[in-house]
Amino acid sequence: MKRFVLAAIVPVLITITSACGGSGSPALRVGTLSDSKPNAYSANGRFTGFDNELLRAIADKQGMKLEFVATDFSAVLGQVANGQFDIGSAGIAQTDARKKTVDFSAAYNYESLGIEAAPQAPVTDENSLAGKRVGVVQGTISDTWLSGTVPAAQVVRFPSDAAVVSALTTRSVDAAVFDKASAEQYATENPALKVTKSITTTVPHGYAVRKGDGELLDKINGGLKQVIADGTWTRLHQQFEPGEAVPAEFRAGQ
């Protein structure tokens, strides 16, 4: 959670034309993140990550064209709701509060969290976060989970994963809470960090669309079924999250 270059400052645009889309069809604008590995990030001038590559595969199945735009996670749902983006792709957990703002596709993954800290830090689990400065990305599930689970923690909110990692490595914060896959990625890239506890949930991730846009939702859901059935979901999951088990409902042939 699931971060990014602010669209208001530096809009980063990449247009992706699906193999099946007609040249006269307008591209769907996708609000995504530029630095949230492995779910949604930019590398070598291309938006990639599990969420975005899966959405590309869905678009190919359904003959849709996509234009990816970097934004701030805390803004993306509002931008989908007001029509600035057609789709939000950012490891977005489907909560009741968020469903009041946008509609969501069928689940394509589930939310897991990772508590991260320096190896020598006295941080082992959520109980050890009480009284400590803990970094989170504003508006994410990590933010709401920390505030609700450890009210004694000093929550320090940042606009992006990169900002949280920087604060963690410079010891401006004592610990951080990320999406689990992201936390593990950052620990792999930086030996000065480790994931001290993982928390699994049954909260599904979904692509966000404007409320009432049933036609687009049907296309996304239809394409999702296709990429699960033909094994694309599993292939991409193994590429971006190789250490994670594949839930039964996402296995090929389902």
Protein backbone atom coordinates (compact mmCIF):
# COMPACT_ATOMS: atom_id res chain seq x y z
CA MET A 1 0.00 0.00 0.00
CA LYS A 2 0.79 -0.33 -1.42
CA ARG A 3 4.11 6.64 -2.65
CA PHE A 4 5.31 8.81 -5.57
CA VAL A 5 5.85 11.84 -7.71
CA LEU A 6 3.12 14.39 -7.21
CA ALA A 7 1.11 14.75 -10.39
CA ALA A 8 0.58 18.45 -9.73
CA ILE A 9 4.34 19.02 -9.80
CA VAL A 10 5.78 16.59 -12.30
CA PRO A 11 3.20 14.74 -14.38
CA VAL A 12 4.81 11.61 -15.70
CA LEU A 13 2.91 10.22 -18.65
CA ILE A 14 3.40 6.99 -20.52
CA THR A 15 0.86 5.80 -23.06
CA ILE A 16 0.47 2.08 -23.51
CA THR A 17 -1.52 0.85 -26.50
CA SER A 18 -2.86 -2.65 -26.11
CA ALA A 19 -2.46 -5.09 -28.94
CA CYS A 20 -6.21 -5.39 -29.30
CA GLY A 21 -7.26 -1.75 -29.00
CA GLY A 22 -8.36 0.13 -32.09
CA SER A 23 -6.38 3.22 -32.98
CA GLY A 24 -9.45 5.43 -32.66
CA SER A 25 -10.26 4.37 -29.10
CA PRO A 26 -9.33 6.88 -26.38
CA ALA A 27 -6.81 5.67 -23.82
CA LEU A 28 -8.01 5.12 -20.28
CA ARG A 29 -6.06 7.24 -17.80
CA VAL A 30 -4.67 5.16 -14.94
CA GLY A 31 -3.57 6.83 -11.71
CA THR A 32 -0.65 4.85 -10.26
CA LEU A 33 2.51 5.17 -8.17
CA SER A 34 6.12 5.67 -9.16
CA ASP A 35 8.01 4.14 -6.23
CA SER A 36 5.97 1.44 -4.51
CA LYS A 37 7.82 -1.76 -5.33
CA PRO A 38 6.82 -4.41 -6.19
CA ASN A 39 3.19 -3.36 -6.75
CA ALA A 40 3.38 -0.11 -8.71
CA TYR A 41 6.50 1.80 -9.66
CA SER A 42 8.44 3.34 -12.53
CA ALA A 43 11.61 1.79 -13.96
CA ASN A 44 13.50 2.92 -17.04
CA GLY A 45 10.70 5.25 -18.07
CA ARG A 46 7.98 2.60 -17.78
CA PHE A 47 5.32 2.10 -15.14
CA THR A 48 5.51 -1.49 -13.99
CA GLY A 49 4.96 -3.68 -10.93
CA PHE A 50 2.49 -6.47 -10.29
CA ASP A 51 -0.61 -4.27 -10.23
CA ASN A 52 0.24 -2.40 -13.42
CA GLU A 53 1.45 -5.38 -15.44
CA LEU A 54 -1.68 -7.29 -14.43
CA LEU A 55 -3.82 -4.35 -15.55
CA ARG A 56 -1.97 -4.26 -18.88
CA ALA A 57 -2.71 -7.95 -19.37
CA ILE A 58 -6.38 -7.34 -18.53
CA ALA A 59 -6.50 -4.45 -21.01
CA ASP A 60 -5.00 -6.64 -23.74
CA LYS A 61 -7.71 -9.24 -23.20
CA GLN A 62 -10.46 -6.62 -23.37
CA GLY A 63 -9.07 -4.43 -26.19
CA MET A 64 -8.45 -1.38 -24.00
CA LYS A 65 -5.67 1.21 -24.23
CA LEU A 66 -4.05 2.58 -21.08
CA GLU A 67 -2.20 5.77 -20.19
CA PHE A 68 -0.39 5.59 -16.85
CA VAL A 69 0.12 8.72 -14.76
CA ALA A 70 2.05 9.01 -11.49
CA THR A 71 0.23 10.47 -8.53
CA ASP A 72 0.16 10.52 -4.72
CA PHE A 73 -1.57 7.57 -3.04
CA SER A 74 -3.53 9.86 -0.73
CA ALA A 75 -5.01 11.62 -3.79
CA VAL A 76 -5.70 8.78 -6.19
CA LEU A 77 -9.20 7.79 -5.03
CA GLY A 78 -10.42 11.38 -5.15
CA GLN A 79 -8.91 11.74 -8.61
CA VAL A 80 -10.75 8.63 -9.80
CA ALA A 81 -13.97 9.87 -8.22
CA ASN A 82 -13.77 13.27 -9.96
CA GLY A 83 -12.92 11.80 -13.35
CA GLN A 84 -9.27 12.83 -13.54
CA PHE A 85 -8.43 9.13 -13.82
CA ASP A 86 -10.53 6.29 -15.18
CA ILE A 87 -8.76 3.65 -13.07
CA GLY A 88 -6.73 3.64 -9.87
CA SER A 89 -3.95 1.02 -9.80
CA ALA A 90 -1.94 1.23 -6.60
CA GLY A 91 -2.36 -1.83 -4.38
CA ILE A 92 -5.58 -0.28 -3.09
CA ALA A 93 -7.23 -2.23 -0.29
CA GLN A 94 -11.01 -2.32 -0.51
CA THR A 95 -12.35 -0.87 2.71
CA ASP A 96 -15.92 0.19 3.50
CA ALA A 97 -14.81 3.80 3.77
CA ARG A 98 -13.15 3.75 0.34
CA LYS A 99 -16.20 2.09 -1.23
CA LYS A 100 -18.12 5.26 -0.42
CA THR A 101 -15.84 7.16 -2.82
CA VAL A 102 -15.25 4.70 -5.68
CA ASP A 103 -16.32 1.31 -6.99
CA PHE A 104 -13.84 -1.57 -7.00
CA SER A 105 -13.11 -4.46 -9.31
CA ALA A 106 -13.16 -8.03 -8.11
CA ALA A 107 -10.24 -8.90 -5.84
CA TYR A 108 -6.90 -9.48 -7.57
CA ASN A 109 -4.74 -9.82 -4.42
CA TYR A 110 -4.93 -9.40 -0.65
CA GLU A 111 -3.49 -6.87 1.77
CA SER A 112 -0.58 -7.86 3.98
CA LEU A 113 1.52 -5.54 6.12
CA GLY A 114 5.14 -5.58 7.20
CA ILE A 115 6.69 -3.82 10.20
CA GLU A 116 10.20 -2.67 9.29
CA ALA A 117 13.09 -1.34 11.36
CA ALA A 118 16.87 -1.39 11.71
CA PRO A 119 18.19 -4.85 12.74
CA GLN A 120 19.35 -3.54 16.13
CA ALA A 121 16.18 -1.57 16.87
CA PRO A 122 13.98 -2.81 19.75
CA VAL A 123 11.07 -3.41 17.37
CA THR A 124 9.66 -6.91 17.15
CA ASP A 125 5.90 -6.59 16.68
CA GLU A 126 3.02 -4.13 16.93
CA ASN A 127 3.25 -4.00 20.74
CA SER A 128 6.82 -2.71 20.55
CA LEU A 129 5.71 0.29 18.45
CA ALA A 130 4.05 2.04 21.41
CA GLY A 131 5.79 5.32 22.15
CA LYS A 132 7.95 5.12 19.03
CA ARG A 133 8.00 7.30 15.91
CA VAL A 134 6.59 5.11 13.16
CA GLY A 135 6.55 6.12 9.49
CA VAL A 136 3.66 5.37 7.14
CA VAL A 137 2.42 6.62 3.79
CA GLN A 138 -0.52 8.92 4.39
CA GLY A 139 -3.92 7.44 3.59
CA THR A 140 -2.78 3.83 3.26
CA ILE A 141 -3.99 0.80 5.16
CA SER A 142 -0.68 0.96 7.03
CA ASP A 143 -1.73 4.41 8.27
CA THR A 144 -5.19 3.37 9.45
CA TRP A 145 -3.98 0.04 10.85
CA LEU A 146 -1.26 1.70 12.93
CA SER A 147 -3.56 4.40 14.28
CA GLY A 148 -6.21 1.86 15.23
CA THR A 149 -3.98 -0.95 16.48
CA VAL A 150 -1.26 0.99 18.29
CA PRO A 151 -2.79 4.30 19.44
CA ALA A 152 0.27 4.95 21.62
CA ALA A 153 2.56 5.03 18.57
CA GLN A 154 3.69 8.41 17.26
CA VAL A 155 2.45 8.19 13.67
CA VAL A 156 4.63 10.13 11.21
CA ARG A 157 2.94 10.45 7.81
CA PHE A 158 4.81 10.82 4.51
CA PRO A 159 3.66 11.25 0.89
CA SER A 160 5.58 8.27 -0.51
CA ASP A 161 7.36 5.01 0.20
CA ALA A 162 10.66 6.62 -0.76
CA ALA A 163 10.20 9.31 1.88
CA VAL A 164 9.42 6.71 4.56
CA VAL A 165 12.46 4.59 3.63
CA SER A 166 14.67 7.69 3.75
CA ALA A 167 13.37 8.60 7.21
CA LEU A 168 13.88 5.02 8.36
CA THR A 169 17.46 4.72 7.09
CA THR A 170 18.43 8.11 8.58
CA ARG A 171 16.74 7.14 11.87
CA SER A 172 14.28 10.03 11.70
CA VAL A 173 11.70 7.38 12.59
CA ASP A 174 12.17 4.26 14.71
CA ALA A 175 10.16 1.94 12.50
CA ALA A 176 7.77 1.89 9.56
CA VAL A 177 4.75 -0.04 8.34
CA PHE A 178 4.44 -0.86 4.64
CA ASP A 179 2.62 -3.28 2.41
CA LYS A 180 4.34 -6.59 3.21
CA ALA A 181 5.73 -7.14 -0.28
CA SER A 182 7.11 -3.60 -0.31
CA ALA A 183 8.68 -4.01 3.14
CA GLU A 184 10.43 -7.19 2.03
CA GLN A 185 11.63 -5.49 -1.16
CA TYR A 186 13.16 -2.60 0.80
CA ALA A 187 14.87 -4.98 3.22
CA THR A 188 16.36 -6.89 0.29
CA GLU A 189 17.68 -3.65 -1.21
CA ASN A 190 18.98 -2.25 2.08
CA PRO A 191 20.78 -4.50 4.59
CA ALA A 192 20.30 -1.79 7.24
CA LEU A 193 16.60 -2.71 7.33
CA LYS A 194 14.69 -5.83 8.27
CA VAL A 195 11.05 -6.92 8.39
CA THR A 196 10.38 -7.72 12.03
CA LYS A 197 6.81 -8.96 11.66
CA SER A 198 4.37 -9.69 8.85
CA ILE A 199 0.62 -9.29 9.28
CA THR A 200 -1.72 -11.02 6.85
CA THR A 201 -5.32 -9.94 6.26
CA THR A 202 -8.30 -10.96 4.16
CA VAL A 203 -8.82 -7.40 2.87
CA PRO A 204 -8.80 -7.58 -0.96
CA HIS A 205 -6.96 -5.31 -3.36
CA GLY A 206 -8.97 -3.97 -6.28
CA TYR A 207 -8.74 -1.54 -9.17
CA ALA A 208 -10.74 1.60 -8.45
CA VAL A 209 -13.19 3.13 -10.94
CA ARG A 210 -15.62 6.01 -10.80
CA LYS A 211 -18.89 5.14 -9.06
CA GLY A 212 -21.49 3.89 -11.49
CA ASP A 213 -19.04 3.06 -14.29
CA GLY A 214 -20.39 -0.45 -14.66
CA GLU A 215 -19.22 -0.89 -18.25
CA LEU A 216 -15.57 -0.35 -17.35
CA LEU A 217 -15.91 -2.47 -14.23
CA ASP A 218 -17.32 -5.34 -16.31
CA LYS A 219 -14.38 -5.14 -18.72
CA ILE A 220 -11.83 -5.18 -15.90
CA ASN A 221 -13.55 -8.07 -14.15
CA GLY A 222 -13.94 -9.99 -17.40
CA GLY A 223 -10.29 -9.53 -18.26
CA LEU A 224 -9.26 -10.47 -14.73
CA LYS A 225 -11.04 -13.81 -15.06
CA GLN A 226 -9.21 -14.40 -18.33
CA VAL A 227 -5.73 -13.65 -16.97
CA ILE A 228 -6.35 -15.86 -13.95
CA ALA A 229 -7.59 -18.74 -16.13
CA ASP A 230 -4.69 -18.64 -18.58
CA GLY A 231 -1.99 -18.46 -15.88
CA THR A 232 -0.96 -14.83 -16.44
CA TRP A 233 -1.82 -13.90 -12.85
CA THR A 234 0.44 -16.65 -11.50
CA ARG A 235 3.29 -15.78 -13.86
CA LEU A 236 3.24 -12.10 -12.88
CA HIS A 237 2.89 -12.92 -9.20
CA GLN A 238 5.94 -15.17 -9.34
CA GLN A 239 7.83 -12.44 -11.19
CA PHE A 240 7.10 -9.64 -8.72
CA GLU A 241 6.32 -11.49 -5.46
CA PRO A 242 8.22 -14.80 -5.78
CA GLY A 243 8.17 -15.55 -2.06
CA GLU A 244 4.40 -15.34 -1.68
CA ALA A 245 2.00 -18.25 -2.04
CA VAL A 246 -0.68 -18.10 -4.73
CA PRO A 247 -4.18 -18.10 -3.22
CA ALA A 248 -6.36 -20.89 -4.62
CA GLU A 249 -8.79 -18.51 -6.31
CA PHE A 250 -6.02 -17.00 -8.44
CA ARG A 251 -4.54 -20.25 -9.72
CA ALA A 252 -4.71 -21.06 -13.42
CA GLY A 253 -7.92 -22.68 -14.54
CA GLN A 254 -10.09 -20.95 -11.94
